[in-house]
Amino acid sequence: MKKLIYILFLTTTPILCAQINSKQEKTSFKVSGNCEMCKMRIEKAALSVKGVKYAKWNIPENQLTLVYNSNKVELMKIHNSIAQSGHDTSDIEAPLEIYNHLPICCLYIRDKKNKAPLK
């Protein structure tokens, strides 16, 4: 019986520790775009960042909703990844040369208020 309790303790402890260390956060912010191709590109760019668990971009509202692990990734890294795909976020402006290579249906009107250029 002692062995069974000991084995049970050894198998459940790592699972509990993993859940304690996981800091899931949910956030949303504006990402500029127009169409379904933009949606696929934006969500793919967000999900390509290690630590992002969920990404859904709403076309009419231009809002990206994310669930990510803040212990693994900083939010600014996600903004950078999206900007590298050619889409301005609420904090970072995509490089002009990348934006200019988007398909014509994806070229949105750029709003440069309070955005830092991607370096």
N, C-alpha and C. Protein backbone atom coordinates (compact mmCIF):
# COMPACT_ATOMS: atom_id res chain seq x y z
N MET A 1 0.83 -1.20 0.00
CA MET A 1 0.00 0.00 0.00
C MET A 1 0.87 1.26 0.00
N LYS A 2 1.97 1.21 0.77
CA LYS A 2 2.86 2.36 0.82
C LYS A 2 3.47 2.63 -0.56
N LYS A 3 3.79 1.56 -1.27
CA LYS A 3 4.37 1.72 -2.60
C LYS A 3 3.37 2.38 -3.55
N LEU A 4 2.13 2.00 -3.47
CA LEU A 4 1.10 2.58 -4.31
C LEU A 4 0.93 4.08 -4.03
N ILE A 5 0.90 4.46 -2.79
CA ILE A 5 0.79 5.87 -2.42
C ILE A 5 2.02 6.64 -2.90
N TYR A 6 3.20 6.04 -2.74
CA TYR A 6 4.43 6.68 -3.18
C TYR A 6 4.44 6.88 -4.70
N ILE A 7 4.02 5.88 -5.45
CA ILE A 7 3.96 5.99 -6.91
C ILE A 7 2.94 7.04 -7.33
N LEU A 8 1.81 7.05 -6.68
CA LEU A 8 0.78 8.06 -6.96
C LEU A 8 1.31 9.47 -6.69
N PHE A 9 2.02 9.64 -5.61
CA PHE A 9 2.61 10.94 -5.26
C PHE A 9 3.62 11.38 -6.31
N LEU A 10 4.46 10.45 -6.76
CA LEU A 10 5.49 10.77 -7.75
C LEU A 10 4.90 11.15 -9.11
N THR A 11 3.78 10.58 -9.47
CA THR A 11 3.19 10.87 -10.78
C THR A 11 2.34 12.13 -10.78
N THR A 12 1.75 12.50 -9.66
CA THR A 12 0.89 13.70 -9.63
C THR A 12 1.66 14.98 -9.32
N THR A 13 2.76 14.90 -8.63
CA THR A 13 3.51 16.10 -8.26
C THR A 13 3.99 16.89 -9.48
N PRO A 14 4.60 16.27 -10.51
CA PRO A 14 5.03 17.07 -11.67
C PRO A 14 3.87 17.74 -12.40
N ILE A 15 2.73 17.08 -12.43
CA ILE A 15 1.56 17.66 -13.10
C ILE A 15 1.10 18.91 -12.36
N LEU A 16 1.06 18.83 -11.06
CA LEU A 16 0.65 20.00 -10.25
C LEU A 16 1.65 21.14 -10.38
N CYS A 17 2.93 20.82 -10.39
CA CYS A 17 3.95 21.86 -10.53
C CYS A 17 3.86 22.54 -11.89
N ALA A 18 3.59 21.78 -12.93
CA ALA A 18 3.46 22.35 -14.27
C ALA A 18 2.29 23.32 -14.34
N GLN A 19 1.20 23.00 -13.68
CA GLN A 19 0.04 23.89 -13.68
C GLN A 19 0.31 25.15 -12.89
N ILE A 20 1.08 25.07 -11.82
CA ILE A 20 1.40 26.25 -11.03
C ILE A 20 2.29 27.19 -11.81
N ASN A 21 3.27 26.65 -12.55
CA ASN A 21 4.21 27.47 -13.31
C ASN A 21 3.60 28.07 -14.58
N SER A 22 2.48 27.56 -15.03
CA SER A 22 1.84 28.04 -16.24
C SER A 22 1.03 29.29 -15.94
N LYS A 23 1.42 30.41 -16.52
CA LYS A 23 0.71 31.68 -16.30
C LYS A 23 0.00 32.04 -17.60
N GLN A 24 -1.19 31.51 -17.78
CA GLN A 24 -1.98 31.78 -18.98
C GLN A 24 -2.62 33.16 -18.85
N GLU A 25 -2.46 33.97 -19.87
CA GLU A 25 -3.08 35.28 -19.90
C GLU A 25 -3.89 35.42 -21.18
N LYS A 26 -4.97 36.17 -21.08
CA LYS A 26 -5.81 36.45 -22.24
C LYS A 26 -5.77 37.95 -22.48
N THR A 27 -5.60 38.34 -23.73
CA THR A 27 -5.58 39.75 -24.08
C THR A 27 -6.12 39.92 -25.49
N SER A 28 -6.42 41.15 -25.83
CA SER A 28 -6.79 41.45 -27.22
C SER A 28 -6.27 42.83 -27.56
N PHE A 29 -5.95 43.01 -28.84
CA PHE A 29 -5.48 44.30 -29.33
C PHE A 29 -5.77 44.41 -30.81
N LYS A 30 -5.65 45.63 -31.32
CA LYS A 30 -5.98 45.92 -32.72
C LYS A 30 -4.84 45.47 -33.63
N VAL A 31 -5.23 44.81 -34.71
CA VAL A 31 -4.30 44.45 -35.78
C VAL A 31 -4.98 44.81 -37.09
N SER A 32 -4.32 45.62 -37.91
CA SER A 32 -4.91 46.08 -39.17
C SER A 32 -4.88 45.00 -40.24
N GLY A 33 -5.96 44.92 -40.98
CA GLY A 33 -6.09 43.96 -42.07
C GLY A 33 -7.46 44.08 -42.70
N ASN A 34 -7.75 43.27 -43.72
CA ASN A 34 -8.99 43.40 -44.47
C ASN A 34 -9.78 42.11 -44.65
N CYS A 35 -9.10 41.01 -44.91
CA CYS A 35 -9.81 39.86 -45.48
C CYS A 35 -9.42 38.54 -44.82
N GLU A 36 -9.92 37.44 -45.39
CA GLU A 36 -9.62 36.10 -44.89
C GLU A 36 -8.13 35.76 -45.01
N MET A 37 -7.48 36.23 -46.07
CA MET A 37 -6.05 35.98 -46.20
C MET A 37 -5.29 36.69 -45.08
N CYS A 38 -5.72 37.91 -44.74
CA CYS A 38 -5.11 38.63 -43.62
C CYS A 38 -5.30 37.83 -42.33
N LYS A 39 -6.51 37.33 -42.14
CA LYS A 39 -6.84 36.56 -40.94
C LYS A 39 -5.90 35.37 -40.79
N MET A 40 -5.71 34.61 -41.87
CA MET A 40 -4.82 33.45 -41.81
C MET A 40 -3.39 33.88 -41.51
N ARG A 41 -2.92 34.96 -42.14
CA ARG A 41 -1.55 35.43 -41.96
C ARG A 41 -1.32 35.93 -40.52
N ILE A 42 -2.27 36.68 -40.00
CA ILE A 42 -2.15 37.25 -38.64
C ILE A 42 -2.16 36.14 -37.60
N GLU A 43 -3.12 35.23 -37.71
CA GLU A 43 -3.21 34.14 -36.74
C GLU A 43 -1.99 33.23 -36.81
N LYS A 44 -1.50 32.96 -38.02
CA LYS A 44 -0.30 32.13 -38.18
C LYS A 44 0.92 32.79 -37.54
N ALA A 45 1.05 34.11 -37.74
CA ALA A 45 2.18 34.84 -37.17
C ALA A 45 2.13 34.81 -35.64
N ALA A 46 0.95 34.96 -35.09
CA ALA A 46 0.81 34.93 -33.63
C ALA A 46 1.10 33.53 -33.08
N LEU A 47 0.53 32.52 -33.72
CA LEU A 47 0.71 31.15 -33.24
C LEU A 47 2.12 30.62 -33.45
N SER A 48 2.89 31.27 -34.32
CA SER A 48 4.27 30.82 -34.55
C SER A 48 5.19 31.17 -33.38
N VAL A 49 4.73 32.04 -32.50
CA VAL A 49 5.54 32.43 -31.34
C VAL A 49 5.33 31.39 -30.24
N LYS A 50 6.43 30.83 -29.76
CA LYS A 50 6.34 29.81 -28.72
C LYS A 50 5.74 30.41 -27.46
N GLY A 51 4.70 29.77 -26.95
CA GLY A 51 4.01 30.25 -25.75
C GLY A 51 2.61 30.75 -26.05
N VAL A 52 2.31 30.97 -27.34
CA VAL A 52 0.95 31.40 -27.73
C VAL A 52 0.11 30.14 -27.91
N LYS A 53 -1.00 30.08 -27.18
CA LYS A 53 -1.86 28.91 -27.20
C LYS A 53 -3.06 29.08 -28.12
N TYR A 54 -3.53 30.31 -28.29
CA TYR A 54 -4.76 30.57 -29.04
C TYR A 54 -4.66 31.94 -29.67
N ALA A 55 -5.07 32.05 -30.93
CA ALA A 55 -5.11 33.34 -31.62
C ALA A 55 -6.31 33.36 -32.56
N LYS A 56 -7.14 34.36 -32.42
CA LYS A 56 -8.30 34.51 -33.30
C LYS A 56 -8.45 35.99 -33.62
N TRP A 57 -8.44 36.30 -34.93
CA TRP A 57 -8.56 37.68 -35.39
C TRP A 57 -9.96 37.89 -35.95
N ASN A 58 -10.64 38.92 -35.47
CA ASN A 58 -11.99 39.26 -35.90
C ASN A 58 -11.89 40.27 -37.03
N ILE A 59 -12.35 39.93 -38.22
CA ILE A 59 -12.19 40.78 -39.40
C ILE A 59 -12.89 42.14 -39.27
N PRO A 60 -14.19 42.18 -38.97
CA PRO A 60 -14.84 43.51 -38.95
C PRO A 60 -14.30 44.45 -37.87
N GLU A 61 -13.91 43.88 -36.73
CA GLU A 61 -13.44 44.72 -35.63
C GLU A 61 -11.93 44.91 -35.61
N ASN A 62 -11.20 44.16 -36.43
CA ASN A 62 -9.74 44.20 -36.45
C ASN A 62 -9.14 43.95 -35.07
N GLN A 63 -9.74 43.05 -34.32
CA GLN A 63 -9.27 42.71 -32.97
C GLN A 63 -8.71 41.30 -32.96
N LEU A 64 -7.50 41.17 -32.41
CA LEU A 64 -6.89 39.86 -32.22
C LEU A 64 -7.04 39.48 -30.75
N THR A 65 -7.58 38.31 -30.51
CA THR A 65 -7.71 37.79 -29.15
C THR A 65 -6.68 36.67 -28.99
N LEU A 66 -5.90 36.75 -27.91
CA LEU A 66 -4.82 35.81 -27.68
C LEU A 66 -4.95 35.17 -26.31
N VAL A 67 -4.49 33.94 -26.22
CA VAL A 67 -4.21 33.29 -24.94
C VAL A 67 -2.76 32.86 -25.05
N TYR A 68 -1.94 33.30 -24.11
CA TYR A 68 -0.51 33.00 -24.16
C TYR A 68 0.04 32.80 -22.75
N ASN A 69 1.19 32.16 -22.68
CA ASN A 69 1.86 31.92 -21.41
C ASN A 69 2.87 33.04 -21.20
N SER A 70 2.60 33.92 -20.24
CA SER A 70 3.47 35.07 -20.02
C SER A 70 4.81 34.68 -19.39
N ASN A 71 4.94 33.44 -18.92
CA ASN A 71 6.24 32.97 -18.43
C ASN A 71 7.16 32.58 -19.59
N LYS A 72 6.56 32.29 -20.75
CA LYS A 72 7.35 31.85 -21.91
C LYS A 72 7.58 32.95 -22.93
N VAL A 73 6.68 33.92 -23.02
CA VAL A 73 6.78 34.92 -24.08
C VAL A 73 6.27 36.27 -23.59
N GLU A 74 6.94 37.32 -24.04
CA GLU A 74 6.47 38.68 -23.76
C GLU A 74 5.51 39.10 -24.87
N LEU A 75 4.52 39.88 -24.51
CA LEU A 75 3.50 40.31 -25.47
C LEU A 75 4.13 41.07 -26.65
N MET A 76 5.18 41.83 -26.40
CA MET A 76 5.82 42.61 -27.47
C MET A 76 6.42 41.69 -28.54
N LYS A 77 6.85 40.50 -28.16
CA LYS A 77 7.38 39.55 -29.15
C LYS A 77 6.27 39.11 -30.11
N ILE A 78 5.06 38.98 -29.61
CA ILE A 78 3.92 38.61 -30.45
C ILE A 78 3.59 39.76 -31.40
N HIS A 79 3.61 41.00 -30.88
CA HIS A 79 3.41 42.18 -31.74
C HIS A 79 4.46 42.20 -32.85
N ASN A 80 5.71 41.93 -32.52
CA ASN A 80 6.79 41.93 -33.51
C ASN A 80 6.57 40.88 -34.60
N SER A 81 6.15 39.69 -34.21
CA SER A 81 5.91 38.63 -35.18
C SER A 81 4.80 39.02 -36.16
N ILE A 82 3.75 39.62 -35.64
CA ILE A 82 2.64 40.04 -36.51
C ILE A 82 3.09 41.16 -37.44
N ALA A 83 3.85 42.11 -36.91
CA ALA A 83 4.35 43.21 -37.74
C ALA A 83 5.28 42.68 -38.84
N GLN A 84 6.05 41.65 -38.54
CA GLN A 84 6.93 41.05 -39.56
C GLN A 84 6.13 40.37 -40.66
N SER A 85 4.87 40.06 -40.40
CA SER A 85 4.03 39.46 -41.43
C SER A 85 3.36 40.52 -42.31
N GLY A 86 3.56 41.82 -41.96
CA GLY A 86 3.04 42.90 -42.79
C GLY A 86 1.84 43.63 -42.22
N HIS A 87 1.47 43.34 -40.98
CA HIS A 87 0.27 43.95 -40.39
C HIS A 87 0.63 44.81 -39.19
N ASP A 88 0.13 46.04 -39.19
CA ASP A 88 0.33 46.95 -38.07
C ASP A 88 -0.48 46.46 -36.88
N THR A 89 0.10 46.57 -35.69
CA THR A 89 -0.63 46.27 -34.47
C THR A 89 -0.88 47.58 -33.73
N SER A 90 -1.53 47.51 -32.60
CA SER A 90 -1.80 48.71 -31.82
C SER A 90 -0.51 49.35 -31.31
N ASP A 91 0.58 48.59 -31.24
CA ASP A 91 1.84 49.11 -30.71
C ASP A 91 2.98 49.23 -31.73
N ILE A 92 2.95 48.42 -32.78
CA ILE A 92 4.08 48.39 -33.72
C ILE A 92 3.59 48.50 -35.15
N GLU A 93 4.32 49.28 -35.92
CA GLU A 93 4.04 49.45 -37.34
C GLU A 93 4.89 48.47 -38.15
N ALA A 94 4.26 47.77 -39.07
CA ALA A 94 4.97 46.83 -39.94
C ALA A 94 5.92 47.59 -40.87
N PRO A 95 7.05 46.99 -41.21
CA PRO A 95 7.96 47.64 -42.15
C PRO A 95 7.27 47.87 -43.50
N LEU A 96 7.53 49.01 -44.10
CA LEU A 96 6.89 49.40 -45.36
C LEU A 96 7.17 48.40 -46.47
N GLU A 97 8.40 47.89 -46.54
CA GLU A 97 8.74 46.95 -47.62
C GLU A 97 7.97 45.64 -47.49
N ILE A 98 7.66 45.21 -46.28
CA ILE A 98 6.86 44.00 -46.09
C ILE A 98 5.39 44.30 -46.40
N TYR A 99 4.90 45.43 -45.90
CA TYR A 99 3.52 45.84 -46.17
C TYR A 99 3.27 45.94 -47.68
N ASN A 100 4.21 46.51 -48.43
CA ASN A 100 4.04 46.70 -49.87
C ASN A 100 3.98 45.38 -50.64
N HIS A 101 4.46 44.29 -50.06
CA HIS A 101 4.43 42.98 -50.73
C HIS A 101 3.18 42.17 -50.39
N LEU A 102 2.27 42.73 -49.60
CA LEU A 102 1.01 42.04 -49.33
C LEU A 102 0.16 42.01 -50.61
N PRO A 103 -0.71 41.03 -50.75
CA PRO A 103 -1.64 41.03 -51.89
C PRO A 103 -2.50 42.30 -51.87
N ILE A 104 -2.97 42.72 -53.02
CA ILE A 104 -3.69 43.99 -53.13
C ILE A 104 -4.93 44.05 -52.25
N CYS A 105 -5.61 42.92 -52.07
CA CYS A 105 -6.82 42.93 -51.22
C CYS A 105 -6.47 43.10 -49.74
N CYS A 106 -5.22 42.87 -49.39
CA CYS A 106 -4.78 42.95 -47.99
C CYS A 106 -4.22 44.32 -47.62
N LEU A 107 -4.07 45.21 -48.60
CA LEU A 107 -3.51 46.54 -48.31
C LEU A 107 -4.57 47.38 -47.61
N TYR A 108 -4.36 47.61 -46.36
CA TYR A 108 -5.28 48.37 -45.51
C TYR A 108 -4.79 49.81 -45.41
N ILE A 109 -5.64 50.70 -44.94
CA ILE A 109 -5.25 52.10 -44.72
C ILE A 109 -4.45 52.16 -43.43
N ARG A 110 -3.23 52.66 -43.52
CA ARG A 110 -2.33 52.67 -42.37
C ARG A 110 -2.59 53.86 -41.48
N ASP A 111 -2.65 53.60 -40.19
CA ASP A 111 -2.83 54.62 -39.16
C ASP A 111 -1.55 54.63 -38.34
N LYS A 112 -0.81 55.74 -38.37
CA LYS A 112 0.51 55.78 -37.74
C LYS A 112 0.50 56.42 -36.35
N LYS A 113 -0.64 56.53 -35.70
CA LYS A 113 -0.70 57.14 -34.38
C LYS A 113 -0.06 56.25 -33.33
N ASN A 114 0.88 56.82 -32.59
CA ASN A 114 1.48 56.19 -31.41
C ASN A 114 2.06 54.79 -31.66
N LYS A 115 2.60 54.56 -32.83
CA LYS A 115 3.18 53.26 -33.12
C LYS A 115 4.67 53.40 -33.32
N ALA A 116 5.38 52.45 -32.82
CA ALA A 116 6.83 52.42 -33.02
C ALA A 116 7.11 51.63 -34.28
N PRO A 117 8.05 52.09 -35.11
CA PRO A 117 8.42 51.28 -36.27
C PRO A 117 9.16 50.04 -35.81
N LEU A 118 8.95 48.96 -36.53
CA LEU A 118 9.65 47.71 -36.21
C LEU A 118 11.10 47.86 -36.62
N LYS A 119 11.99 47.44 -35.76
CA LYS A 119 13.44 47.57 -36.04
C LYS A 119 14.03 46.25 -36.38
